Amino acid sequence: VFVSDLPIGLFGLAYAVAFFLSNTFFRDGQMTIGEIY
């Protein structure tokens, strides 16, 4: 079960990290909408 749930947890963390960094960089003007996409 842990192996099967690994992608869900791993990508949940990856999306959370990507969202947090993208939001920070976009507000600071360091990243565009296209780069976030």
PDB file of all heavy atoms in Angstrom:
ATOM      1  N   VAL A   1       0.838  -1.208   0.000  1.00  0.00           N
ATOM      2  CA  VAL A   1       0.000   0.000   0.000  1.00  0.00           C
ATOM      3  C   VAL A   1       0.869   1.253   0.000  1.00  0.00           C
ATOM      4  O   VAL A   1       0.553   2.248  -0.669  1.00  0.00           O
ATOM      5  CB  VAL A   1      -0.940  -0.019   1.226  1.00  0.00           C
ATOM      6  CG1 VAL A   1      -1.590   1.346   1.434  1.00  0.00           C
ATOM      7  CG2 VAL A   1      -2.006  -1.081   1.034  1.00  0.00           C
ATOM      8  N   PHE A   2       1.983   1.214   0.737  1.00  0.00           N
ATOM      9  CA  PHE A   2       2.869   2.383   0.786  1.00  0.00           C
ATOM     10  C   PHE A   2       3.461   2.665  -0.593  1.00  0.00           C
ATOM     11  O   PHE A   2       3.616   3.817  -0.995  1.00  0.00           O
ATOM     12  CB  PHE A   2       3.987   2.153   1.800  1.00  0.00           C
ATOM     13  CG  PHE A   2       3.521   2.141   3.222  1.00  0.00           C
ATOM     14  CD1 PHE A   2       3.328   0.952   3.893  1.00  0.00           C
ATOM     15  CD2 PHE A   2       3.262   3.328   3.894  1.00  0.00           C
ATOM     16  CE1 PHE A   2       2.889   0.935   5.200  1.00  0.00           C
ATOM     17  CE2 PHE A   2       2.832   3.330   5.205  1.00  0.00           C
ATOM     18  CZ  PHE A   2       2.630   2.132   5.861  1.00  0.00           C
ATOM     19  N   VAL A   3       3.787   1.610  -1.322  1.00  0.00           N
ATOM     20  CA  VAL A   3       4.327   1.804  -2.664  1.00  0.00           C
ATOM     21  C   VAL A   3       3.254   2.396  -3.583  1.00  0.00           C
ATOM     22  O   VAL A   3       3.526   3.291  -4.393  1.00  0.00           O
ATOM     23  CB  VAL A   3       4.847   0.465  -3.227  1.00  0.00           C
ATOM     24  CG1 VAL A   3       5.391   0.638  -4.638  1.00  0.00           C
ATOM     25  CG2 VAL A   3       5.933  -0.094  -2.324  1.00  0.00           C
ATOM     26  N   SER A   4       2.029   1.887  -3.471  1.00  0.00           N
ATOM     27  CA  SER A   4       0.945   2.380  -4.324  1.00  0.00           C
ATOM     28  C   SER A   4       0.603   3.836  -4.020  1.00  0.00           C
ATOM     29  O   SER A   4       0.224   4.598  -4.920  1.00  0.00           O
ATOM     30  CB  SER A   4      -0.303   1.506  -4.126  1.00  0.00           C
ATOM     31  OG  SER A   4      -0.018   0.158  -4.445  1.00  0.00           O
ATOM     32  N   ASP A   5       0.727   4.208  -2.753  1.00  0.00           N
ATOM     33  CA  ASP A   5       0.384   5.583  -2.372  1.00  0.00           C
ATOM     34  C   ASP A   5       1.530   6.560  -2.573  1.00  0.00           C
ATOM     35  O   ASP A   5       1.356   7.774  -2.393  1.00  0.00           O
ATOM     36  CB  ASP A   5      -0.048   5.630  -0.895  1.00  0.00           C
ATOM     37  CG  ASP A   5      -1.387   4.939  -0.681  1.00  0.00           C
ATOM     38  OD1 ASP A   5      -2.108   4.744  -1.681  1.00  0.00           O
ATOM     39  OD2 ASP A   5      -1.700   4.586   0.471  1.00  0.00           O
ATOM     40  N   LEU A   6       2.711   6.032  -2.929  1.00  0.00           N
ATOM     41  CA  LEU A   6       3.871   6.914  -3.068  1.00  0.00           C
ATOM     42  C   LEU A   6       3.654   8.031  -4.099  1.00  0.00           C
ATOM     43  O   LEU A   6       3.941   9.195  -3.800  1.00  0.00           O
ATOM     44  CB  LEU A   6       5.113   6.087  -3.435  1.00  0.00           C
ATOM     45  CG  LEU A   6       6.397   6.885  -3.704  1.00  0.00           C
ATOM     46  CD1 LEU A   6       6.813   7.651  -2.443  1.00  0.00           C
ATOM     47  CD2 LEU A   6       7.515   5.959  -4.166  1.00  0.00           C
ATOM     48  N   PRO A   7       3.165   7.745  -5.316  1.00  0.00           N
ATOM     49  CA  PRO A   7       2.986   8.850  -6.277  1.00  0.00           C
ATOM     50  C   PRO A   7       2.021   9.917  -5.794  1.00  0.00           C
ATOM     51  O   PRO A   7       2.216  11.115  -6.048  1.00  0.00           O
ATOM     52  CB  PRO A   7       2.443   8.134  -7.526  1.00  0.00           C
ATOM     53  CG  PRO A   7       2.887   6.719  -7.376  1.00  0.00           C
ATOM     54  CD  PRO A   7       2.837   6.444  -5.920  1.00  0.00           C
ATOM     55  N   ILE A   8       0.963   9.478  -5.085  1.00  0.00           N
ATOM     56  CA  ILE A   8      -0.013  10.455  -4.605  1.00  0.00           C
ATOM     57  C   ILE A   8       0.639  11.413  -3.613  1.00  0.00           C
ATOM     58  O   ILE A   8       0.532  12.648  -3.728  1.00  0.00           O
ATOM     59  CB  ILE A   8      -1.209   9.735  -3.955  1.00  0.00           C
ATOM     60  CG1 ILE A   8      -1.905   8.830  -4.988  1.00  0.00           C
ATOM     61  CG2 ILE A   8      -2.182  10.737  -3.352  1.00  0.00           C
ATOM     62  CD1 ILE A   8      -3.006   7.968  -4.401  1.00  0.00           C
ATOM     63  N   GLY A   9       1.330  10.863  -2.620  1.00  0.00           N
ATOM     64  CA  GLY A   9       1.988  11.716  -1.631  1.00  0.00           C
ATOM     65  C   GLY A   9       3.117  12.522  -2.222  1.00  0.00           C
ATOM     66  O   GLY A   9       3.271  13.723  -1.916  1.00  0.00           O
ATOM     67  N   LEU A  10       3.916  11.891  -3.091  1.00  0.00           N
ATOM     68  CA  LEU A  10       5.078  12.573  -3.652  1.00  0.00           C
ATOM     69  C   LEU A  10       4.656  13.735  -4.534  1.00  0.00           C
ATOM     70  O   LEU A  10       5.196  14.848  -4.425  1.00  0.00           O
ATOM     71  CB  LEU A  10       5.923  11.564  -4.445  1.00  0.00           C
ATOM     72  CG  LEU A  10       7.258  12.077  -4.977  1.00  0.00           C
ATOM     73  CD1 LEU A  10       8.167  12.485  -3.824  1.00  0.00           C
ATOM     74  CD2 LEU A  10       7.933  11.002  -5.825  1.00  0.00           C
ATOM     75  N   PHE A  11       3.686  13.504  -5.397  1.00  0.00           N
ATOM     76  CA  PHE A  11       3.249  14.582  -6.280  1.00  0.00           C
ATOM     77  C   PHE A  11       2.411  15.613  -5.548  1.00  0.00           C
ATOM     78  O   PHE A  11       2.350  16.784  -5.952  1.00  0.00           O
ATOM     79  CB  PHE A  11       2.495  14.017  -7.482  1.00  0.00           C
ATOM     80  CG  PHE A  11       3.407  13.504  -8.551  1.00  0.00           C
ATOM     81  CD1 PHE A  11       3.703  12.162  -8.632  1.00  0.00           C
ATOM     82  CD2 PHE A  11       4.002  14.371  -9.451  1.00  0.00           C
ATOM     83  CE1 PHE A  11       4.552  11.683  -9.605  1.00  0.00           C
ATOM     84  CE2 PHE A  11       4.855  13.912 -10.429  1.00  0.00           C
ATOM     85  CZ  PHE A  11       5.148  12.554 -10.512  1.00  0.00           C
ATOM     86  N   GLY A  12       1.757  15.198  -4.452  1.00  0.00           N
ATOM     87  CA  GLY A  12       1.080  16.198  -3.634  1.00  0.00           C
ATOM     88  C   GLY A  12       2.078  17.193  -3.060  1.00  0.00           C
ATOM     89  O   GLY A  12       1.855  18.417  -3.111  1.00  0.00           O
ATOM     90  N   LEU A  13       3.220  16.655  -2.564  1.00  0.00           N
ATOM     91  CA  LEU A  13       4.275  17.536  -2.068  1.00  0.00           C
ATOM     92  C   LEU A  13       4.885  18.373  -3.193  1.00  0.00           C
ATOM     93  O   LEU A  13       5.176  19.560  -3.023  1.00  0.00           O
ATOM     94  CB  LEU A  13       5.378  16.703  -1.398  1.00  0.00           C
ATOM     95  CG  LEU A  13       5.045  16.104  -0.032  1.00  0.00           C
ATOM     96  CD1 LEU A  13       6.164  15.198   0.433  1.00  0.00           C
ATOM     97  CD2 LEU A  13       4.811  17.222   0.994  1.00  0.00           C
ATOM     98  N   ALA A  14       5.076  17.738  -4.355  1.00  0.00           N
ATOM     99  CA  ALA A  14       5.679  18.465  -5.480  1.00  0.00           C
ATOM    100  C   ALA A  14       4.787  19.616  -5.921  1.00  0.00           C
ATOM    101  O   ALA A  14       5.264  20.740  -6.182  1.00  0.00           O
ATOM    102  CB  ALA A  14       5.919  17.496  -6.639  1.00  0.00           C
ATOM    103  N   TYR A  15       3.493  19.382  -6.015  1.00  0.00           N
ATOM    104  CA  TYR A  15       2.574  20.450  -6.411  1.00  0.00           C
ATOM    105  C   TYR A  15       2.548  21.561  -5.354  1.00  0.00           C
ATOM    106  O   TYR A  15       2.455  22.756  -5.688  1.00  0.00           O
ATOM    107  CB  TYR A  15       1.167  19.894  -6.614  1.00  0.00           C
ATOM    108  CG  TYR A  15       0.992  19.183  -7.939  1.00  0.00           C
ATOM    109  CD1 TYR A  15       0.540  17.873  -7.993  1.00  0.00           C
ATOM    110  CD2 TYR A  15       1.258  19.837  -9.150  1.00  0.00           C
ATOM    111  CE1 TYR A  15       0.380  17.219  -9.202  1.00  0.00           C
ATOM    112  CE2 TYR A  15       1.092  19.202 -10.362  1.00  0.00           C
ATOM    113  CZ  TYR A  15       0.657  17.889 -10.383  1.00  0.00           C
ATOM    114  OH  TYR A  15       0.499  17.250 -11.585  1.00  0.00           O
ATOM    115  N   ALA A  16       2.609  21.137  -4.070  1.00  0.00           N
ATOM    116  CA  ALA A  16       2.602  22.141  -3.005  1.00  0.00           C
ATOM    117  C   ALA A  16       3.852  23.020  -3.082  1.00  0.00           C
ATOM    118  O   ALA A  16       3.784  24.255  -2.971  1.00  0.00           O
ATOM    119  CB  ALA A  16       2.509  21.458  -1.644  1.00  0.00           C
ATOM    120  N   VAL A  17       5.027  22.391  -3.290  1.00  0.00           N
ATOM    121  CA  VAL A  17       6.274  23.147  -3.414  1.00  0.00           C
ATOM    122  C   VAL A  17       6.225  24.052  -4.640  1.00  0.00           C
ATOM    123  O   VAL A  17       6.597  25.247  -4.591  1.00  0.00           O
ATOM    124  CB  VAL A  17       7.476  22.192  -3.493  1.00  0.00           C
ATOM    125  CG1 VAL A  17       8.751  22.963  -3.851  1.00  0.00           C
ATOM    126  CG2 VAL A  17       7.657  21.469  -2.164  1.00  0.00           C
ATOM    127  N   ALA A  18       5.739  23.500  -5.767  1.00  0.00           N
ATOM    128  CA  ALA A  18       5.677  24.285  -7.001  1.00  0.00           C
ATOM    129  C   ALA A  18       4.719  25.463  -6.843  1.00  0.00           C
ATOM    130  O   ALA A  18       5.004  26.580  -7.302  1.00  0.00           O
ATOM    131  CB  ALA A  18       5.240  23.392  -8.166  1.00  0.00           C
ATOM    132  N   PHE A  19       3.565  25.232  -6.201  1.00  0.00           N
ATOM    133  CA  PHE A  19       2.605  26.314  -6.016  1.00  0.00           C
ATOM    134  C   PHE A  19       3.183  27.399  -5.113  1.00  0.00           C
ATOM    135  O   PHE A  19       3.047  28.600  -5.400  1.00  0.00           O
ATOM    136  CB  PHE A  19       1.314  25.758  -5.415  1.00  0.00           C
ATOM    137  CG  PHE A  19       0.247  26.790  -5.218  1.00  0.00           C
ATOM    138  CD1 PHE A  19      -0.562  27.186  -6.272  1.00  0.00           C
ATOM    139  CD2 PHE A  19       0.072  27.388  -3.973  1.00  0.00           C
ATOM    140  CE1 PHE A  19      -1.539  28.150  -6.078  1.00  0.00           C
ATOM    141  CE2 PHE A  19      -0.899  28.352  -3.790  1.00  0.00           C
ATOM    142  CZ  PHE A  19      -1.714  28.729  -4.850  1.00  0.00           C
ATOM    143  N   PHE A  20       3.819  26.995  -4.014  1.00  0.00           N
ATOM    144  CA  PHE A  20       4.372  27.981  -3.089  1.00  0.00           C
ATOM    145  C   PHE A  20       5.474  28.811  -3.761  1.00  0.00           C
ATOM    146  O   PHE A  20       5.468  30.051  -3.691  1.00  0.00           O
ATOM    147  CB  PHE A  20       4.936  27.274  -1.855  1.00  0.00           C
ATOM    148  CG  PHE A  20       5.664  28.182  -0.913  1.00  0.00           C
ATOM    149  CD1 PHE A  20       4.970  29.021  -0.043  1.00  0.00           C
ATOM    150  CD2 PHE A  20       7.063  28.229  -0.891  1.00  0.00           C
ATOM    151  CE1 PHE A  20       5.643  29.871   0.821  1.00  0.00           C
ATOM    152  CE2 PHE A  20       7.730  29.071  -0.039  1.00  0.00           C
ATOM    153  CZ  PHE A  20       7.025  29.897   0.833  1.00  0.00           C
ATOM    154  N   LEU A  21       6.401  28.153  -4.452  1.00  0.00           N
ATOM    155  CA  LEU A  21       7.492  28.884  -5.095  1.00  0.00           C
ATOM    156  C   LEU A  21       6.987  29.736  -6.249  1.00  0.00           C
ATOM    157  O   LEU A  21       7.423  30.884  -6.434  1.00  0.00           O
ATOM    158  CB  LEU A  21       8.563  27.901  -5.584  1.00  0.00           C
ATOM    159  CG  LEU A  21       9.326  27.145  -4.492  1.00  0.00           C
ATOM    160  CD1 LEU A  21      10.310  26.160  -5.118  1.00  0.00           C
ATOM    161  CD2 LEU A  21      10.068  28.112  -3.576  1.00  0.00           C
ATOM    162  N   SER A  22       6.055  29.175  -7.027  1.00  0.00           N
ATOM    163  CA  SER A  22       5.527  29.937  -8.173  1.00  0.00           C
ATOM    164  C   SER A  22       4.796  31.187  -7.706  1.00  0.00           C
ATOM    165  O   SER A  22       4.927  32.268  -8.300  1.00  0.00           O
ATOM    166  CB  SER A  22       4.579  29.052  -8.999  1.00  0.00           C
ATOM    167  OG  SER A  22       5.260  27.937  -9.522  1.00  0.00           O
ATOM    168  N   ASN A  23       4.016  31.035  -6.643  1.00  0.00           N
ATOM    169  CA  ASN A  23       3.283  32.200  -6.122  1.00  0.00           C
ATOM    170  C   ASN A  23       4.261  33.271  -5.635  1.00  0.00           C
ATOM    171  O   ASN A  23       4.078  34.464  -5.915  1.00  0.00           O
ATOM    172  CB  ASN A  23       2.376  31.739  -4.974  1.00  0.00           C
ATOM    173  CG  ASN A  23       1.597  32.890  -4.368  1.00  0.00           C
ATOM    174  OD1 ASN A  23       0.809  33.545  -5.065  1.00  0.00           O
ATOM    175  ND2 ASN A  23       1.839  33.157  -3.090  1.00  0.00           N
ATOM    176  N   THR A  24       5.304  32.826  -4.939  1.00  0.00           N
ATOM    177  CA  THR A  24       6.303  33.793  -4.433  1.00  0.00           C
ATOM    178  C   THR A  24       7.024  34.477  -5.589  1.00  0.00           C
ATOM    179  O   THR A  24       7.183  35.710  -5.610  1.00  0.00           O
ATOM    180  CB  THR A  24       7.309  33.078  -3.535  1.00  0.00           C
ATOM    181  OG1 THR A  24       6.609  32.443  -2.447  1.00  0.00           O
ATOM    182  CG2 THR A  24       8.325  34.060  -2.979  1.00  0.00           C
ATOM    183  N   PHE A  25       7.474  33.698  -6.578  1.00  0.00           N
ATOM    184  CA  PHE A  25       8.230  34.265  -7.688  1.00  0.00           C
ATOM    185  C   PHE A  25       7.356  35.153  -8.564  1.00  0.00           C
ATOM    186  O   PHE A  25       7.812  36.175  -9.094  1.00  0.00           O
ATOM    187  CB  PHE A  25       8.848  33.147  -8.530  1.00  0.00           C
ATOM    188  CG  PHE A  25       9.866  32.312  -7.772  1.00  0.00           C
ATOM    189  CD1 PHE A  25      10.176  31.007  -8.182  1.00  0.00           C
ATOM    190  CD2 PHE A  25      10.521  32.824  -6.661  1.00  0.00           C
ATOM    191  CE1 PHE A  25      11.100  30.259  -7.493  1.00  0.00           C
ATOM    192  CE2 PHE A  25      11.452  32.077  -5.972  1.00  0.00           C
ATOM    193  CZ  PHE A  25      11.740  30.784  -6.384  1.00  0.00           C
ATOM    194  N   PHE A  26       6.083  34.752  -8.728  1.00  0.00           N
ATOM    195  CA  PHE A  26       5.196  35.571  -9.571  1.00  0.00           C
ATOM    196  C   PHE A  26       4.921  36.928  -8.918  1.00  0.00           C
ATOM    197  O   PHE A  26       4.909  37.961  -9.583  1.00  0.00           O
ATOM    198  CB  PHE A  26       3.888  34.810  -9.804  1.00  0.00           C
ATOM    199  CG  PHE A  26       2.909  35.573 -10.644  1.00  0.00           C
ATOM    200  CD1 PHE A  26       3.094  35.697 -12.022  1.00  0.00           C
ATOM    201  CD2 PHE A  26       1.802  36.200 -10.052  1.00  0.00           C
ATOM    202  CE1 PHE A  26       2.184  36.407 -12.786  1.00  0.00           C
ATOM    203  CE2 PHE A  26       0.910  36.908 -10.819  1.00  0.00           C
ATOM    204  CZ  PHE A  26       1.087  37.013 -12.192  1.00  0.00           C
ATOM    205  N   ARG A  27       4.705  36.929  -7.579  1.00  0.00           N
ATOM    206  CA  ARG A  27       4.447  38.194  -6.889  1.00  0.00           C
ATOM    207  C   ARG A  27       5.678  39.098  -6.937  1.00  0.00           C
ATOM    208  O   ARG A  27       5.556  40.318  -6.981  1.00  0.00           O
ATOM    209  CB  ARG A  27       4.056  37.934  -5.432  1.00  0.00           C
ATOM    210  CG  ARG A  27       2.690  37.299  -5.279  1.00  0.00           C
ATOM    211  CD  ARG A  27       2.368  37.066  -3.796  1.00  0.00           C
ATOM    212  NE  ARG A  27       1.051  36.514  -3.617  1.00  0.00           N
ATOM    213  CZ  ARG A  27      -0.078  37.245  -3.547  1.00  0.00           C
ATOM    214  NH1 ARG A  27       0.015  38.565  -3.633  1.00  0.00           N
ATOM    215  NH2 ARG A  27      -1.247  36.664  -3.398  1.00  0.00           N
ATOM    216  N   ASP A  28       6.878  38.457  -6.909  1.00  0.00           N
ATOM    217  CA  ASP A  28       8.096  39.267  -6.962  1.00  0.00           C
ATOM    218  C   ASP A  28       8.477  39.627  -8.380  1.00  0.00           C
ATOM    219  O   ASP A  28       9.502  40.305  -8.599  1.00  0.00           O
ATOM    220  CB  ASP A  28       9.265  38.497  -6.316  1.00  0.00           C
ATOM    221  CG  ASP A  28       9.049  38.297  -4.828  1.00  0.00           C
ATOM    222  OD1 ASP A  28       8.224  39.011  -4.255  1.00  0.00           O
ATOM    223  OD2 ASP A  28       9.710  37.383  -4.265  1.00  0.00           O
ATOM    224  N   GLY A  29       7.678  39.160  -9.343  1.00  0.00           N
ATOM    225  CA  GLY A  29       7.969  39.463 -10.745  1.00  0.00           C
ATOM    226  C   GLY A  29       9.102  38.663 -11.329  1.00  0.00           C
ATOM    227  O   GLY A  29       9.621  39.002 -12.395  1.00  0.00           O
ATOM    228  N   GLN A  30       9.472  37.593 -10.663  1.00  0.00           N
ATOM    229  CA  GLN A  30      10.584  36.776 -11.166  1.00  0.00           C
ATOM    230  C   GLN A  30      10.120  35.665 -12.112  1.00  0.00           C
ATOM    231  O   GLN A  30      10.959  34.971 -12.708  1.00  0.00           O
ATOM    232  CB  GLN A  30      11.327  36.132  -9.987  1.00  0.00           C
ATOM    233  CG  GLN A  30      11.903  37.135  -8.994  1.00  0.00           C
ATOM    234  CD  GLN A  30      12.598  36.449  -7.837  1.00  0.00           C
ATOM    235  OE1 GLN A  30      13.137  35.367  -7.996  1.00  0.00           O
ATOM    236  NE2 GLN A  30      12.588  37.098  -6.667  1.00  0.00           N
ATOM    237  N   MET A  31       8.790  35.487 -12.262  1.00  0.00           N
ATOM    238  CA  MET A  31       8.290  34.400 -13.092  1.00  0.00           C
ATOM    239  C   MET A  31       6.992  34.827 -13.741  1.00  0.00           C
ATOM    240  O   MET A  31       6.159  35.503 -13.125  1.00  0.00           O
ATOM    241  CB  MET A  31       8.084  33.143 -12.231  1.00  0.00           C
ATOM    242  CG  MET A  31       7.765  31.881 -12.999  1.00  0.00           C
ATOM    243  SD  MET A  31       7.749  30.433 -11.912  1.00  0.00           S
ATOM    244  CE  MET A  31       9.485  30.298 -11.511  1.00  0.00           C
ATOM    245  N   THR A  32       6.814  34.424 -15.016  1.00  0.00           N
ATOM    246  CA  THR A  32       5.606  34.771 -15.747  1.00  0.00           C
ATOM    247  C   THR A  32       4.581  33.651 -15.637  1.00  0.00           C
ATOM    248  O   THR A  32       4.880  32.541 -15.156  1.00  0.00           O
ATOM    249  CB  THR A  32       5.936  35.001 -17.222  1.00  0.00           C
ATOM    250  OG1 THR A  32       6.383  33.757 -17.789  1.00  0.00           O
ATOM    251  CG2 THR A  32       7.038  36.053 -17.381  1.00  0.00           C
ATOM    252  N   ILE A  33       3.342  33.924 -16.098  1.00  0.00           N
ATOM    253  CA  ILE A  33       2.290  32.906 -16.111  1.00  0.00           C
ATOM    254  C   ILE A  33       2.705  31.716 -16.981  1.00  0.00           C
ATOM    255  O   ILE A  33       2.455  30.554 -16.648  1.00  0.00           O
ATOM    256  CB  ILE A  33       0.973  33.504 -16.623  1.00  0.00           C
ATOM    257  CG1 ILE A  33       0.415  34.514 -15.613  1.00  0.00           C
ATOM    258  CG2 ILE A  33      -0.050  32.403 -16.889  1.00  0.00           C
ATOM    259  CD1 ILE A  33      -0.006  33.883 -14.309  1.00  0.00           C
ATOM    260  N   GLY A  34       3.347  31.993 -18.104  1.00  0.00           N
ATOM    261  CA  GLY A  34       3.799  30.907 -18.981  1.00  0.00           C
ATOM    262  C   GLY A  34       4.807  30.007 -18.303  1.00  0.00           C
ATOM    263  O   GLY A  34       4.775  28.773 -18.451  1.00  0.00           O
ATOM    264  N   GLU A  35       5.710  30.585 -17.542  1.00  0.00           N
ATOM    265  CA  GLU A  35       6.702  29.774 -16.846  1.00  0.00           C
ATOM    266  C   GLU A  35       6.042  28.928 -15.737  1.00  0.00           C
ATOM    267  O   GLU A  35       6.427  27.783 -15.510  1.00  0.00           O
ATOM    268  CB  GLU A  35       7.770  30.669 -16.239  1.00  0.00           C
ATOM    269  CG  GLU A  35       8.668  31.324 -17.288  1.00  0.00           C
ATOM    270  CD  GLU A  35       9.602  32.349 -16.685  1.00  0.00           C
ATOM    271  OE1 GLU A  35       9.211  32.983 -15.680  1.00  0.00           O
ATOM    272  OE2 GLU A  35      10.706  32.514 -17.205  1.00  0.00           O
ATOM    273  N   ILE A  36       5.029  29.510 -15.084  1.00  0.00           N
ATOM    274  CA  ILE A  36       4.303  28.751 -14.063  1.00  0.00           C
ATOM    275  C   ILE A  36       3.570  27.566 -14.702  1.00  0.00           C
ATOM    276  O   ILE A  36       3.580  26.436 -14.186  1.00  0.00           O
ATOM    277  CB  ILE A  36       3.317  29.669 -13.325  1.00  0.00           C
ATOM    278  CG1 ILE A  36       4.093  30.719 -12.511  1.00  0.00           C
ATOM    279  CG2 ILE A  36       2.405  28.853 -12.413  1.00  0.00           C
ATOM    280  CD1 ILE A  36       3.208  31.741 -11.856  1.00  0.00           C
ATOM    281  N   TYR A  37       2.942  27.829 -15.852  1.00  0.00           N
ATOM    282  CA  TYR A  37       2.264  26.735 -16.569  1.00  0.00           C
ATOM    283  C   TYR A  37       3.261  25.647 -16.934  1.00  0.00           C
ATOM    284  O   TYR A  37       2.955  24.453 -16.822  1.00  0.00           O
ATOM    285  CB  TYR A  37       1.590  27.276 -17.827  1.00  0.00           C
ATOM    286  CG  TYR A  37       1.105  26.186 -18.756  1.00  0.00           C
ATOM    287  CD1 TYR A  37      -0.060  25.477 -18.491  1.00  0.00           C
ATOM    288  CD2 TYR A  37       1.855  25.834 -19.885  1.00  0.00           C
ATOM    289  CE1 TYR A  37      -0.487  24.470 -19.323  1.00  0.00           C
ATOM    290  CE2 TYR A  37       1.440  24.807 -20.725  1.00  0.00           C
ATOM    291  CZ  TYR A  37       0.263  24.137 -20.440  1.00  0.00           C
ATOM    292  OH  TYR A  37      -0.145  23.131 -21.272  1.00  0.00           O
TER     293      TYR A  37
END
